[in-house]
Amino acid sequence: MKNSIVVVVIFVALLLSSCAPSEPLEQPSLKIDTVAEDEPTREAVYVYNEKMAVIDSMELRSEPKLLSSGYARLVGVVSGVRQVALIEIGGRGLAAVAGEMVDGYEIEKIGRESAYLRKGSIK
């Protein structure tokens, strides 16, 4: 019994060593050439024919969108007598109601999961 176990262990060791590659495998090297930016860029997001398109209105949801002060997203909506949009712009929180200005956009309407913004000033 002991001899058969020793023979099986030796056989398995020889079998595994014969399956190993004879030459060492080369590991791919990773090179990082770029550095992440700490501040949001002010580059145009939508460019057509080398001219920046003016976005007159937009729907703000949980996905971030680029505004002049940085990326903005709708964090949530508080319902009550007046609906309040909880907006994050450039990492800072803001609570705003319909009719208020946010980064050059007027909050036109606040829905259950979105806020509608229109470019321009309050009339």
PDB file of N, CA and C in Angstrom:
ATOM      1  N   MET A   1       0.822  -1.187   0.000  1.00  0.00           N
ATOM      2  CA  MET A   1       0.000   0.000   0.000  1.00  0.00           C
ATOM      3  C   MET A   1       0.872   1.258   0.000  1.00  0.00           C
ATOM      4  N   LYS A   2       1.884   1.303   0.897  1.00  0.00           N
ATOM      5  CA  LYS A   2       2.765   2.463   0.959  1.00  0.00           C
ATOM      6  C   LYS A   2       3.548   2.610  -0.347  1.00  0.00           C
ATOM      7  N   ASN A   3       3.954   1.492  -0.913  1.00  0.00           N
ATOM      8  CA  ASN A   3       4.709   1.553  -2.163  1.00  0.00           C
ATOM      9  C   ASN A   3       3.859   2.103  -3.306  1.00  0.00           C
ATOM     10  N   SER A   4       2.591   1.740  -3.351  1.00  0.00           N
ATOM     11  CA  SER A   4       1.728   2.244  -4.425  1.00  0.00           C
ATOM     12  C   SER A   4       1.482   3.749  -4.287  1.00  0.00           C
ATOM     13  N   ILE A   5       1.403   4.243  -3.055  1.00  0.00           N
ATOM     14  CA  ILE A   5       1.223   5.689  -2.838  1.00  0.00           C
ATOM     15  C   ILE A   5       2.474   6.426  -3.286  1.00  0.00           C
ATOM     16  N   VAL A   6       3.643   5.910  -2.961  1.00  0.00           N
ATOM     17  CA  VAL A   6       4.906   6.540  -3.352  1.00  0.00           C
ATOM     18  C   VAL A   6       5.029   6.551  -4.870  1.00  0.00           C
ATOM     19  N   VAL A   7       4.642   5.454  -5.512  1.00  0.00           N
ATOM     20  CA  VAL A   7       4.714   5.382  -6.970  1.00  0.00           C
ATOM     21  C   VAL A   7       3.755   6.384  -7.603  1.00  0.00           C
ATOM     22  N   VAL A   8       2.566   6.514  -7.074  1.00  0.00           N
ATOM     23  CA  VAL A   8       1.587   7.466  -7.608  1.00  0.00           C
ATOM     24  C   VAL A   8       2.083   8.893  -7.425  1.00  0.00           C
ATOM     25  N   VAL A   9       2.650   9.231  -6.278  1.00  0.00           N
ATOM     26  CA  VAL A   9       3.170  10.590  -6.033  1.00  0.00           C
ATOM     27  C   VAL A   9       4.302  10.898  -6.995  1.00  0.00           C
ATOM     28  N   ILE A  10       5.230   9.952  -7.204  1.00  0.00           N
ATOM     29  CA  ILE A  10       6.338  10.174  -8.135  1.00  0.00           C
ATOM     30  C   ILE A  10       5.815  10.320  -9.564  1.00  0.00           C
ATOM     31  N   PHE A  11       4.842   9.493  -9.936  1.00  0.00           N
ATOM     32  CA  PHE A  11       4.272   9.563 -11.277  1.00  0.00           C
ATOM     33  C   PHE A  11       3.586  10.919 -11.521  1.00  0.00           C
ATOM     34  N   VAL A  12       2.841  11.382 -10.545  1.00  0.00           N
ATOM     35  CA  VAL A  12       2.153  12.681 -10.679  1.00  0.00           C
ATOM     36  C   VAL A  12       3.177  13.808 -10.767  1.00  0.00           C
ATOM     37  N   ALA A  13       4.240  13.743  -9.961  1.00  0.00           N
ATOM     38  CA  ALA A  13       5.273  14.783 -10.001  1.00  0.00           C
ATOM     39  C   ALA A  13       5.958  14.816 -11.362  1.00  0.00           C
ATOM     40  N   LEU A  14       6.279  13.649 -11.916  1.00  0.00           N
ATOM     41  CA  LEU A  14       6.900  13.604 -13.240  1.00  0.00           C
ATOM     42  C   LEU A  14       5.952  14.097 -14.328  1.00  0.00           C
ATOM     43  N   LEU A  15       4.687  13.739 -14.206  1.00  0.00           N
ATOM     44  CA  LEU A  15       3.700  14.177 -15.183  1.00  0.00           C
ATOM     45  C   LEU A  15       3.541  15.694 -15.176  1.00  0.00           C
ATOM     46  N   LEU A  16       3.459  16.267 -13.995  1.00  0.00           N
ATOM     47  CA  LEU A  16       3.300  17.728 -13.896  1.00  0.00           C
ATOM     48  C   LEU A  16       4.554  18.465 -14.349  1.00  0.00           C
ATOM     49  N   SER A  17       5.714  17.954 -14.055  1.00  0.00           N
ATOM     50  CA  SER A  17       6.938  18.634 -14.470  1.00  0.00           C
ATOM     51  C   SER A  17       7.136  18.566 -15.980  1.00  0.00           C
ATOM     52  N   SER A  18       6.631  17.537 -16.626  1.00  0.00           N
ATOM     53  CA  SER A  18       6.764  17.459 -18.076  1.00  0.00           C
ATOM     54  C   SER A  18       5.802  18.399 -18.789  1.00  0.00           C
ATOM     55  N   CYS A  19       4.737  18.845 -18.110  1.00  0.00           N
ATOM     56  CA  CYS A  19       3.765  19.770 -18.711  1.00  0.00           C
ATOM     57  C   CYS A  19       4.182  21.222 -18.573  1.00  0.00           C
ATOM     58  N   ALA A  20       5.146  21.505 -17.709  1.00  0.00           N
ATOM     59  CA  ALA A  20       5.574  22.883 -17.478  1.00  0.00           C
ATOM     60  C   ALA A  20       6.353  23.385 -18.686  1.00  0.00           C
ATOM     61  N   PRO A  21       6.206  24.692 -19.046  1.00  0.00           N
ATOM     62  CA  PRO A  21       6.959  25.223 -20.184  1.00  0.00           C
ATOM     63  C   PRO A  21       8.445  25.251 -19.874  1.00  0.00           C
ATOM     64  N   SER A  22       9.257  25.006 -20.897  1.00  0.00           N
ATOM     65  CA  SER A  22      10.702  24.974 -20.696  1.00  0.00           C
ATOM     66  C   SER A  22      11.304  26.375 -20.632  1.00  0.00           C
ATOM     67  N   GLU A  23      10.669  27.341 -21.296  1.00  0.00           N
ATOM     68  CA  GLU A  23      11.157  28.711 -21.282  1.00  0.00           C
ATOM     69  C   GLU A  23      10.220  29.567 -20.442  1.00  0.00           C
ATOM     70  N   PRO A  24      10.750  30.500 -19.683  1.00  0.00           N
ATOM     71  CA  PRO A  24       9.871  31.356 -18.878  1.00  0.00           C
ATOM     72  C   PRO A  24       9.039  32.272 -19.790  1.00  0.00           C
ATOM     73  N   LEU A  25       7.807  32.502 -19.401  1.00  0.00           N
ATOM     74  CA  LEU A  25       6.913  33.374 -20.162  1.00  0.00           C
ATOM     75  C   LEU A  25       7.217  34.827 -19.864  1.00  0.00           C
ATOM     76  N   GLU A  26       7.140  35.665 -20.892  1.00  0.00           N
ATOM     77  CA  GLU A  26       7.381  37.090 -20.703  1.00  0.00           C
ATOM     78  C   GLU A  26       6.106  37.757 -20.209  1.00  0.00           C
ATOM     79  N   GLN A  27       6.255  38.582 -19.195  1.00  0.00           N
ATOM     80  CA  GLN A  27       5.125  39.327 -18.657  1.00  0.00           C
ATOM     81  C   GLN A  27       5.019  40.648 -19.409  1.00  0.00           C
ATOM     82  N   PRO A  28       3.820  41.027 -19.832  1.00  0.00           N
ATOM     83  CA  PRO A  28       3.681  42.317 -20.522  1.00  0.00           C
ATOM     84  C   PRO A  28       3.946  43.462 -19.550  1.00  0.00           C
ATOM     85  N   SER A  29       4.655  44.463 -20.030  1.00  0.00           N
ATOM     86  CA  SER A  29       4.938  45.618 -19.183  1.00  0.00           C
ATOM     87  C   SER A  29       3.881  46.686 -19.418  1.00  0.00           C
ATOM     88  N   LEU A  30       3.449  47.301 -18.340  1.00  0.00           N
ATOM     89  CA  LEU A  30       2.451  48.366 -18.410  1.00  0.00           C
ATOM     90  C   LEU A  30       3.149  49.710 -18.294  1.00  0.00           C
ATOM     91  N   LYS A  31       2.870  50.577 -19.239  1.00  0.00           N
ATOM     92  CA  LYS A  31       3.441  51.919 -19.205  1.00  0.00           C
ATOM     93  C   LYS A  31       2.292  52.912 -19.174  1.00  0.00           C
ATOM     94  N   ILE A  32       2.318  53.817 -18.208  1.00  0.00           N
ATOM     95  CA  ILE A  32       1.302  54.844 -18.088  1.00  0.00           C
ATOM     96  C   ILE A  32       1.951  56.162 -18.454  1.00  0.00           C
ATOM     97  N   ASP A  33       1.483  56.743 -19.557  1.00  0.00           N
ATOM     98  CA  ASP A  33       2.081  57.980 -20.048  1.00  0.00           C
ATOM     99  C   ASP A  33       1.297  59.222 -19.631  1.00  0.00           C
ATOM    100  N   THR A  34       0.034  59.069 -19.300  1.00  0.00           N
ATOM    101  CA  THR A  34      -0.787  60.228 -18.988  1.00  0.00           C
ATOM    102  C   THR A  34      -1.049  60.316 -17.492  1.00  0.00           C
ATOM    103  N   VAL A  35      -1.320  61.514 -17.047  1.00  0.00           N
ATOM    104  CA  VAL A  35      -1.634  61.768 -15.647  1.00  0.00           C
ATOM    105  C   VAL A  35      -3.084  62.227 -15.584  1.00  0.00           C
ATOM    106  N   ALA A  36      -3.836  61.715 -14.629  1.00  0.00           N
ATOM    107  CA  ALA A  36      -5.234  62.110 -14.480  1.00  0.00           C
ATOM    108  C   ALA A  36      -5.322  63.566 -14.040  1.00  0.00           C
ATOM    109  N   GLU A  37      -6.295  64.278 -14.583  1.00  0.00           N
ATOM    110  CA  GLU A  37      -6.480  65.679 -14.231  1.00  0.00           C
ATOM    111  C   GLU A  37      -7.308  65.782 -12.963  1.00  0.00           C
ATOM    112  N   ASP A  38      -6.920  66.714 -12.107  1.00  0.00           N
ATOM    113  CA  ASP A  38      -7.646  66.909 -10.855  1.00  0.00           C
ATOM    114  C   ASP A  38      -8.853  67.817 -11.037  1.00  0.00           C
ATOM    115  N   GLU A  39      -8.778  68.753 -11.959  1.00  0.00           N
ATOM    116  CA  GLU A  39      -9.862  69.704 -12.158  1.00  0.00           C
ATOM    117  C   GLU A  39     -10.576  69.411 -13.475  1.00  0.00           C
ATOM    118  N   PRO A  40     -11.880  69.707 -13.531  1.00  0.00           N
ATOM    119  CA  PRO A  40     -12.598  69.479 -14.789  1.00  0.00           C
ATOM    120  C   PRO A  40     -12.088  70.422 -15.870  1.00  0.00           C
ATOM    121  N   THR A  41     -12.073  69.933 -17.094  1.00  0.00           N
ATOM    122  CA  THR A  41     -11.635  70.767 -18.209  1.00  0.00           C
ATOM    123  C   THR A  41     -12.796  71.618 -18.704  1.00  0.00           C
ATOM    124  N   ARG A  42     -12.482  72.660 -19.421  1.00  0.00           N
ATOM    125  CA  ARG A  42     -13.503  73.547 -19.978  1.00  0.00           C
ATOM    126  C   ARG A  42     -13.619  73.352 -21.486  1.00  0.00           C
ATOM    127  N   GLU A  43     -13.221  72.178 -21.967  1.00  0.00           N
ATOM    128  CA  GLU A  43     -13.282  71.911 -23.395  1.00  0.00           C
ATOM    129  C   GLU A  43     -14.723  71.653 -23.816  1.00  0.00           C
ATOM    130  N   ALA A  44     -15.006  71.964 -25.073  1.00  0.00           N
ATOM    131  CA  ALA A  44     -16.351  71.765 -25.609  1.00  0.00           C
ATOM    132  C   ALA A  44     -16.668  70.276 -25.673  1.00  0.00           C
ATOM    133  N   VAL A  45     -17.882  69.930 -25.310  1.00  0.00           N
ATOM    134  CA  VAL A  45     -18.300  68.540 -25.358  1.00  0.00           C
ATOM    135  C   VAL A  45     -18.831  68.208 -26.739  1.00  0.00           C
ATOM    136  N   TYR A  46     -19.632  69.068 -27.316  1.00  0.00           N
ATOM    137  CA  TYR A  46     -20.212  68.841 -28.635  1.00  0.00           C
ATOM    138  C   TYR A  46     -19.583  69.823 -29.622  1.00  0.00           C
ATOM    139  N   VAL A  47     -18.838  69.301 -30.580  1.00  0.00           N
ATOM    140  CA  VAL A  47     -18.198  70.150 -31.575  1.00  0.00           C
ATOM    141  C   VAL A  47     -18.627  69.653 -32.955  1.00  0.00           C
ATOM    142  N   TYR A  48     -19.198  70.566 -33.768  1.00  0.00           N
ATOM    143  CA  TYR A  48     -19.616  70.253 -35.126  1.00  0.00           C
ATOM    144  C   TYR A  48     -18.959  71.261 -36.060  1.00  0.00           C
ATOM    145  N   ASN A  49     -18.273  70.784 -37.081  1.00  0.00           N
ATOM    146  CA  ASN A  49     -17.595  71.642 -38.073  1.00  0.00           C
ATOM    147  C   ASN A  49     -16.706  72.683 -37.394  1.00  0.00           C
ATOM    148  N   GLU A  50     -15.996  72.246 -36.357  1.00  0.00           N
ATOM    149  CA  GLU A  50     -15.075  73.083 -35.605  1.00  0.00           C
ATOM    150  C   GLU A  50     -15.748  74.280 -34.948  1.00  0.00           C
ATOM    151  N   LYS A  51     -17.047  74.209 -34.712  1.00  0.00           N
ATOM    152  CA  LYS A  51     -17.775  75.247 -33.990  1.00  0.00           C
ATOM    153  C   LYS A  51     -18.490  74.592 -32.824  1.00  0.00           C
ATOM    154  N   MET A  52     -18.461  75.246 -31.673  1.00  0.00           N
ATOM    155  CA  MET A  52     -19.112  74.686 -30.499  1.00  0.00           C
ATOM    156  C   MET A  52     -20.619  74.897 -30.598  1.00  0.00           C
ATOM    157  N   ALA A  53     -21.359  73.829 -30.408  1.00  0.00           N
ATOM    158  CA  ALA A  53     -22.815  73.914 -30.452  1.00  0.00           C
ATOM    159  C   ALA A  53     -23.328  74.460 -29.125  1.00  0.00           C
ATOM    160  N   VAL A  54     -24.301  75.340 -29.176  1.00  0.00           N
ATOM    161  CA  VAL A  54     -24.908  75.900 -27.980  1.00  0.00           C
ATOM    162  C   VAL A  54     -26.074  75.002 -27.578  1.00  0.00           C
ATOM    163  N   ILE A  55     -26.046  74.534 -26.350  1.00  0.00           N
ATOM    164  CA  ILE A  55     -27.112  73.679 -25.851  1.00  0.00           C
ATOM    165  C   ILE A  55     -28.105  74.567 -25.126  1.00  0.00           C
ATOM    166  N   ASP A  56     -29.307  74.711 -25.706  1.00  0.00           N
ATOM    167  CA  ASP A  56     -30.313  75.597 -25.131  1.00  0.00           C
ATOM    168  C   ASP A  56     -31.032  74.987 -23.940  1.00  0.00           C
ATOM    169  N   SER A  57     -31.275  73.684 -23.978  1.00  0.00           N
ATOM    170  CA  SER A  57     -31.974  73.035 -22.875  1.00  0.00           C
ATOM    171  C   SER A  57     -31.443  71.628 -22.701  1.00  0.00           C
ATOM    172  N   MET A  58     -31.609  71.111 -21.504  1.00  0.00           N
ATOM    173  CA  MET A  58     -31.149  69.755 -21.218  1.00  0.00           C
ATOM    174  C   MET A  58     -31.961  69.161 -20.076  1.00  0.00           C
ATOM    175  N   GLU A  59     -31.952  67.844 -20.048  1.00  0.00           N
ATOM    176  CA  GLU A  59     -32.600  67.116 -18.966  1.00  0.00           C
ATOM    177  C   GLU A  59     -31.497  66.573 -18.071  1.00  0.00           C
ATOM    178  N   LEU A  60     -31.508  66.971 -16.820  1.00  0.00           N
ATOM    179  CA  LEU A  60     -30.488  66.553 -15.875  1.00  0.00           C
ATOM    180  C   LEU A  60     -30.998  65.354 -15.087  1.00  0.00           C
ATOM    181  N   ARG A  61     -30.260  64.253 -15.156  1.00  0.00           N
ATOM    182  CA  ARG A  61     -30.593  63.020 -14.427  1.00  0.00           C
ATOM    183  C   ARG A  61     -29.392  62.615 -13.582  1.00  0.00           C
ATOM    184  N   SER A  62     -29.308  61.355 -13.217  1.00  0.00           N
ATOM    185  CA  SER A  62     -28.206  60.892 -12.372  1.00  0.00           C
ATOM    186  C   SER A  62     -26.881  60.800 -13.130  1.00  0.00           C
ATOM    187  N   GLU A  63     -26.929  60.743 -14.486  1.00  0.00           N
ATOM    188  CA  GLU A  63     -25.693  60.717 -15.268  1.00  0.00           C
ATOM    189  C   GLU A  63     -25.099  62.122 -15.305  1.00  0.00           C
ATOM    190  N   PRO A  64     -23.793  62.269 -15.076  1.00  0.00           N
ATOM    191  CA  PRO A  64     -23.195  63.609 -15.077  1.00  0.00           C
ATOM    192  C   PRO A  64     -23.152  64.235 -16.472  1.00  0.00           C
ATOM    193  N   LYS A  65     -23.374  65.550 -16.510  1.00  0.00           N
ATOM    194  CA  LYS A  65     -23.269  66.333 -17.755  1.00  0.00           C
ATOM    195  C   LYS A  65     -22.345  67.509 -17.482  1.00  0.00           C
ATOM    196  N   LEU A  66     -21.589  67.911 -18.502  1.00  0.00           N
ATOM    197  CA  LEU A  66     -20.609  68.973 -18.338  1.00  0.00           C
ATOM    198  C   LEU A  66     -21.259  70.342 -18.481  1.00  0.00           C
ATOM    199  N   LEU A  67     -21.126  71.166 -17.444  1.00  0.00           N
ATOM    200  CA  LEU A  67     -21.541  72.567 -17.473  1.00  0.00           C
ATOM    201  C   LEU A  67     -20.283  73.413 -17.318  1.00  0.00           C
ATOM    202  N   SER A  68     -20.417  74.730 -17.314  1.00  0.00           N
ATOM    203  CA  SER A  68     -19.238  75.589 -17.243  1.00  0.00           C
ATOM    204  C   SER A  68     -18.513  75.498 -15.899  1.00  0.00           C
ATOM    205  N   SER A  69     -19.211  75.136 -14.827  1.00  0.00           N
ATOM    206  CA  SER A  69     -18.573  75.012 -13.509  1.00  0.00           C
ATOM    207  C   SER A  69     -18.100  73.598 -13.202  1.00  0.00           C
ATOM    208  N   GLY A  70     -18.258  72.688 -14.128  1.00  0.00           N
ATOM    209  CA  GLY A  70     -17.852  71.301 -13.908  1.00  0.00           C
ATOM    210  C   GLY A  70     -18.999  70.365 -14.235  1.00  0.00           C
ATOM    211  N   TYR A  71     -18.815  69.120 -13.891  1.00  0.00           N
ATOM    212  CA  TYR A  71     -19.854  68.128 -14.163  1.00  0.00           C
ATOM    213  C   TYR A  71     -21.001  68.288 -13.177  1.00  0.00           C
ATOM    214  N   ALA A  72     -22.228  68.147 -13.692  1.00  0.00           N
ATOM    215  CA  ALA A  72     -23.424  68.280 -12.865  1.00  0.00           C
ATOM    216  C   ALA A  72     -24.266  67.027 -13.010  1.00  0.00           C
ATOM    217  N   ARG A  73     -24.916  66.638 -11.914  1.00  0.00           N
ATOM    218  CA  ARG A  73     -25.840  65.509 -11.949  1.00  0.00           C
ATOM    219  C   ARG A  73     -26.920  65.732 -10.916  1.00  0.00           C
ATOM    220  N   LEU A  74     -28.061  65.126 -11.161  1.00  0.00           N
ATOM    221  CA  LEU A  74     -29.178  65.201 -10.233  1.00  0.00           C
ATOM    222  C   LEU A  74     -29.006  64.095  -9.201  1.00  0.00           C
ATOM    223  N   VAL A  75     -28.887  64.476  -7.945  1.00  0.00           N
ATOM    224  CA  VAL A  75     -28.704  63.506  -6.872  1.00  0.00           C
ATOM    225  C   VAL A  75     -30.056  62.961  -6.421  1.00  0.00           C
ATOM    226  N   GLY A  76     -31.066  63.829  -6.365  1.00  0.00           N
ATOM    227  CA  GLY A  76     -32.386  63.390  -5.942  1.00  0.00           C
ATOM    228  C   GLY A  76     -33.384  64.526  -6.009  1.00  0.00           C
ATOM    229  N   VAL A  77     -34.634  64.186  -5.733  1.00  0.00           N
ATOM    230  CA  VAL A  77     -35.712  65.169  -5.732  1.00  0.00           C
ATOM    231  C   VAL A  77     -36.481  65.003  -4.426  1.00  0.00           C
ATOM    232  N   VAL A  78     -36.698  66.128  -3.727  1.00  0.00           N
ATOM    233  CA  VAL A  78     -37.483  66.121  -2.501  1.00  0.00           C
ATOM    234  C   VAL A  78     -38.863  66.656  -2.848  1.00  0.00           C
ATOM    235  N   SER A  79     -39.887  65.851  -2.592  1.00  0.00           N
ATOM    236  CA  SER A  79     -41.262  66.263  -2.887  1.00  0.00           C
ATOM    237  C   SER A  79     -41.895  66.851  -1.644  1.00  0.00           C
ATOM    238  N   GLY A  80     -42.720  67.829  -1.845  1.00  0.00           N
ATOM    239  CA  GLY A  80     -43.428  68.496  -0.757  1.00  0.00           C
ATOM    240  C   GLY A  80     -44.340  69.529  -1.368  1.00  0.00           C
ATOM    241  N   VAL A  81     -44.478  70.666  -0.691  1.00  0.00           N
ATOM    242  CA  VAL A  81     -45.261  71.754  -1.254  1.00  0.00           C
ATOM    243  C   VAL A  81     -44.636  72.198  -2.572  1.00  0.00           C
ATOM    244  N   ARG A  82     -43.318  72.317  -2.581  1.00  0.00           N
ATOM    245  CA  ARG A  82     -42.558  72.586  -3.801  1.00  0.00           C
ATOM    246  C   ARG A  82     -41.516  71.494  -3.955  1.00  0.00           C
ATOM    247  N   GLN A  83     -41.316  71.034  -5.176  1.00  0.00           N
ATOM    248  CA  GLN A  83     -40.289  70.033  -5.402  1.00  0.00           C
ATOM    249  C   GLN A  83     -38.920  70.709  -5.408  1.00  0.00           C
ATOM    250  N   VAL A  84     -37.973  70.100  -4.707  1.00  0.00           N
ATOM    251  CA  VAL A  84     -36.620  70.632  -4.608  1.00  0.00           C
ATOM    252  C   VAL A  84     -35.674  69.647  -5.283  1.00  0.00           C
ATOM    253  N   ALA A  85     -34.880  70.149  -6.224  1.00  0.00           N
ATOM    254  CA  ALA A  85     -33.889  69.318  -6.916  1.00  0.00           C
ATOM    255  C   ALA A  85     -32.575  69.395  -6.151  1.00  0.00           C
ATOM    256  N   LEU A  86     -32.027  68.237  -5.807  1.00  0.00           N
ATOM    257  CA  LEU A  86     -30.721  68.169  -5.155  1.00  0.00           C
ATOM    258  C   LEU A  86     -29.694  67.888  -6.240  1.00  0.00           C
ATOM    259  N   ILE A  87     -28.862  68.884  -6.527  1.00  0.00           N
ATOM    260  CA  ILE A  87     -27.937  68.838  -7.657  1.00  0.00           C
ATOM    261  C   ILE A  87     -26.502  68.895  -7.139  1.00  0.00           C
ATOM    262  N   GLU A  88     -25.639  68.117  -7.749  1.00  0.00           N
ATOM    263  CA  GLU A  88     -24.211  68.169  -7.451  1.00  0.00           C
ATOM    264  C   GLU A  88     -23.510  68.763  -8.658  1.00  0.00           C
ATOM    265  N   ILE A  89     -22.789  69.879  -8.446  1.00  0.00           N
ATOM    266  CA  ILE A  89     -22.043  70.538  -9.524  1.00  0.00           C
ATOM    267  C   ILE A  89     -20.599  70.673  -9.079  1.00  0.00           C
ATOM    268  N   GLY A  90     -19.709  70.043  -9.812  1.00  0.00           N
ATOM    269  CA  GLY A  90     -18.287  70.125  -9.485  1.00  0.00           C
ATOM    270  C   GLY A  90     -17.968  69.595  -8.102  1.00  0.00           C
ATOM    271  N   GLY A  91     -18.720  68.618  -7.625  1.00  0.00           N
ATOM    272  CA  GLY A  91     -18.472  68.020  -6.318  1.00  0.00           C
ATOM    273  C   GLY A  91     -19.142  68.731  -5.161  1.00  0.00           C
ATOM    274  N   ARG A  92     -19.887  69.788  -5.429  1.00  0.00           N
ATOM    275  CA  ARG A  92     -20.564  70.533  -4.361  1.00  0.00           C
ATOM    276  C   ARG A  92     -22.071  70.386  -4.493  1.00  0.00           C
ATOM    277  N   GLY A  93     -22.744  70.266  -3.376  1.00  0.00           N
ATOM    278  CA  GLY A  93     -24.185  70.085  -3.369  1.00  0.00           C
ATOM    279  C   GLY A  93     -24.941  71.392  -3.458  1.00  0.00           C
ATOM    280  N   LEU A  94     -26.138  71.316  -4.034  1.00  0.00           N
ATOM    281  CA  LEU A  94     -26.980  72.497  -4.212  1.00  0.00           C
ATOM    282  C   LEU A  94     -28.437  72.047  -4.186  1.00  0.00           C
ATOM    283  N   ALA A  95     -29.265  72.780  -3.469  1.00  0.00           N
ATOM    284  CA  ALA A  95     -30.709  72.526  -3.469  1.00  0.00           C
ATOM    285  C   ALA A  95     -31.373  73.690  -4.188  1.00  0.00           C
ATOM    286  N   ALA A  96     -32.180  73.395  -5.212  1.00  0.00           N
ATOM    287  CA  ALA A  96     -32.800  74.456  -6.012  1.00  0.00           C
ATOM    288  C   ALA A  96     -34.221  74.064  -6.374  1.00  0.00           C
ATOM    289  N   VAL A  97     -35.069  75.076  -6.538  1.00  0.00           N
ATOM    290  CA  VAL A  97     -36.460  74.863  -6.941  1.00  0.00           C
ATOM    291  C   VAL A  97     -36.644  75.398  -8.359  1.00  0.00           C
ATOM    292  N   ALA A  98     -37.769  75.092  -8.960  1.00  0.00           N
ATOM    293  CA  ALA A  98     -38.067  75.562 -10.319  1.00  0.00           C
ATOM    294  C   ALA A  98     -38.052  77.085 -10.356  1.00  0.00           C
ATOM    295  N   GLY A  99     -37.417  77.627 -11.391  1.00  0.00           N
ATOM    296  CA  GLY A  99     -37.321  79.074 -11.541  1.00  0.00           C
ATOM    297  C   GLY A  99     -35.977  79.637 -11.112  1.00  0.00           C
ATOM    298  N   GLU A 100     -35.180  78.886 -10.388  1.00  0.00           N
ATOM    299  CA  GLU A 100     -33.868  79.359  -9.952  1.00  0.00           C
ATOM    300  C   GLU A 100     -32.823  79.134 -11.035  1.00  0.00           C
ATOM    301  N   MET A 101     -31.745  79.933 -10.983  1.00  0.00           N
ATOM    302  CA  MET A 101     -30.640  79.815 -11.932  1.00  0.00           C
ATOM    303  C   MET A 101     -29.544  78.921 -11.354  1.00  0.00           C
ATOM    304  N   VAL A 102     -29.035  78.026 -12.193  1.00  0.00           N
ATOM    305  CA  VAL A 102     -27.940  77.138 -11.808  1.00  0.00           C
ATOM    306  C   VAL A 102     -26.916  77.165 -12.936  1.00  0.00           C
ATOM    307  N   ASP A 103     -25.794  77.815 -12.707  1.00  0.00           N
ATOM    308  CA  ASP A 103     -24.679  77.823 -13.655  1.00  0.00           C
ATOM    309  C   ASP A 103     -25.098  78.297 -15.049  1.00  0.00           C
ATOM    310  N   GLY A 104     -25.888  79.360 -15.111  1.00  0.00           N
ATOM    311  CA  GLY A 104     -26.322  79.912 -16.392  1.00  0.00           C
ATOM    312  C   GLY A 104     -27.549  79.250 -16.984  1.00  0.00           C
ATOM    313  N   TYR A 105     -28.105  78.257 -16.308  1.00  0.00           N
ATOM    314  CA  TYR A 105     -29.321  77.575 -16.746  1.00  0.00           C
ATOM    315  C   TYR A 105     -30.427  77.817 -15.721  1.00  0.00           C
ATOM    316  N   GLU A 106     -31.622  78.049 -16.234  1.00  0.00           N
ATOM    317  CA  GLU A 106     -32.792  78.188 -15.364  1.00  0.00           C
ATOM    318  C   GLU A 106     -33.447  76.816 -15.213  1.00  0.00           C
ATOM    319  N   ILE A 107     -33.793  76.467 -13.979  1.00  0.00           N
ATOM    320  CA  ILE A 107     -34.510  75.217 -13.757  1.00  0.00           C
ATOM    321  C   ILE A 107     -35.949  75.447 -14.178  1.00  0.00           C
ATOM    322  N   GLU A 108     -36.313  74.825 -15.286  1.00  0.00           N
ATOM    323  CA  GLU A 108     -37.628  75.028 -15.875  1.00  0.00           C
ATOM    324  C   GLU A 108     -38.690  74.181 -15.171  1.00  0.00           C
ATOM    325  N   LYS A 109     -38.375  72.913 -14.936  1.00  0.00           N
ATOM    326  CA  LYS A 109     -39.340  71.991 -14.341  1.00  0.00           C
ATOM    327  C   LYS A 109     -38.576  70.894 -13.613  1.00  0.00           C
ATOM    328  N   ILE A 110     -39.150  70.404 -12.522  1.00  0.00           N
ATOM    329  CA  ILE A 110     -38.549  69.311 -11.768  1.00  0.00           C
ATOM    330  C   ILE A 110     -39.520  68.144 -11.794  1.00  0.00           C
ATOM    331  N   GLY A 111     -39.049  67.007 -12.302  1.00  0.00           N
ATOM    332  CA  GLY A 111     -39.862  65.804 -12.350  1.00  0.00           C
ATOM    333  C   GLY A 111     -39.497  64.862 -11.214  1.00  0.00           C
ATOM    334  N   ARG A 112     -40.017  63.638 -11.277  1.00  0.00           N
ATOM    335  CA  ARG A 112     -39.731  62.666 -10.219  1.00  0.00           C
ATOM    336  C   ARG A 112     -38.283  62.200 -10.238  1.00  0.00           C
ATOM    337  N   GLU A 113     -37.695  62.064 -11.441  1.00  0.00           N
ATOM    338  CA  GLU A 113     -36.328  61.568 -11.562  1.00  0.00           C
ATOM    339  C   GLU A 113     -35.457  62.449 -12.448  1.00  0.00           C
ATOM    340  N   SER A 114     -35.903  63.669 -12.734  1.00  0.00           N
ATOM    341  CA  SER A 114     -35.127  64.537 -13.611  1.00  0.00           C
ATOM    342  C   SER A 114     -35.462  66.000 -13.351  1.00  0.00           C
ATOM    343  N   ALA A 115     -34.557  66.850 -13.794  1.00  0.00           N
ATOM    344  CA  ALA A 115     -34.774  68.299 -13.743  1.00  0.00           C
ATOM    345  C   ALA A 115     -34.498  68.831 -15.149  1.00  0.00           C
ATOM    346  N   TYR A 116     -35.363  69.688 -15.633  1.00  0.00           N
ATOM    347  CA  TYR A 116     -35.238  70.253 -16.981  1.00  0.00           C
ATOM    348  C   TYR A 116     -34.659  71.652 -16.856  1.00  0.00           C
ATOM    349  N   LEU A 117     -33.534  71.885 -17.544  1.00  0.00           N
ATOM    350  CA  LEU A 117     -32.841  73.159 -17.493  1.00  0.00           C
ATOM    351  C   LEU A 117     -32.900  73.846 -18.845  1.00  0.00           C
ATOM    352  N   ARG A 118     -33.028  75.173 -18.831  1.00  0.00           N
ATOM    353  CA  ARG A 118     -33.068  75.963 -20.055  1.00  0.00           C
ATOM    354  C   ARG A 118     -32.034  77.085 -19.947  1.00  0.00           C
ATOM    355  N   LYS A 119     -31.252  77.262 -21.001  1.00  0.00           N
ATOM    356  CA  LYS A 119     -30.235  78.297 -21.022  1.00  0.00           C
ATOM    357  C   LYS A 119     -30.881  79.677 -21.050  1.00  0.00           C
ATOM    358  N   GLY A 120     -30.375  80.570 -20.252  1.00  0.00           N
ATOM    359  CA  GLY A 120     -30.919  81.927 -20.262  1.00  0.00           C
ATOM    360  C   GLY A 120     -31.157  82.453 -18.873  1.00  0.00           C
ATOM    361  N   SER A 121     -31.777  83.620 -18.820  1.00  0.00           N
ATOM    362  CA  SER A 121     -32.003  84.280 -17.537  1.00  0.00           C
ATOM    363  C   SER A 121     -33.472  84.232 -17.149  1.00  0.00           C
ATOM    364  N   ILE A 122     -33.721  84.460 -15.886  1.00  0.00           N
ATOM    365  CA  ILE A 122     -35.090  84.495 -15.389  1.00  0.00           C
ATOM    366  C   ILE A 122     -35.747  85.783 -15.848  1.00  0.00           C
ATOM    367  N   LYS A 123     -36.967  85.665 -16.356  1.00  0.00           N
ATOM    368  CA  LYS A 123     -37.671  86.844 -16.895  1.00  0.00           C
ATOM    369  C   LYS A 123     -38.491  87.502 -15.825  1.00  0.00           C
TER     370      LYS A 123
END
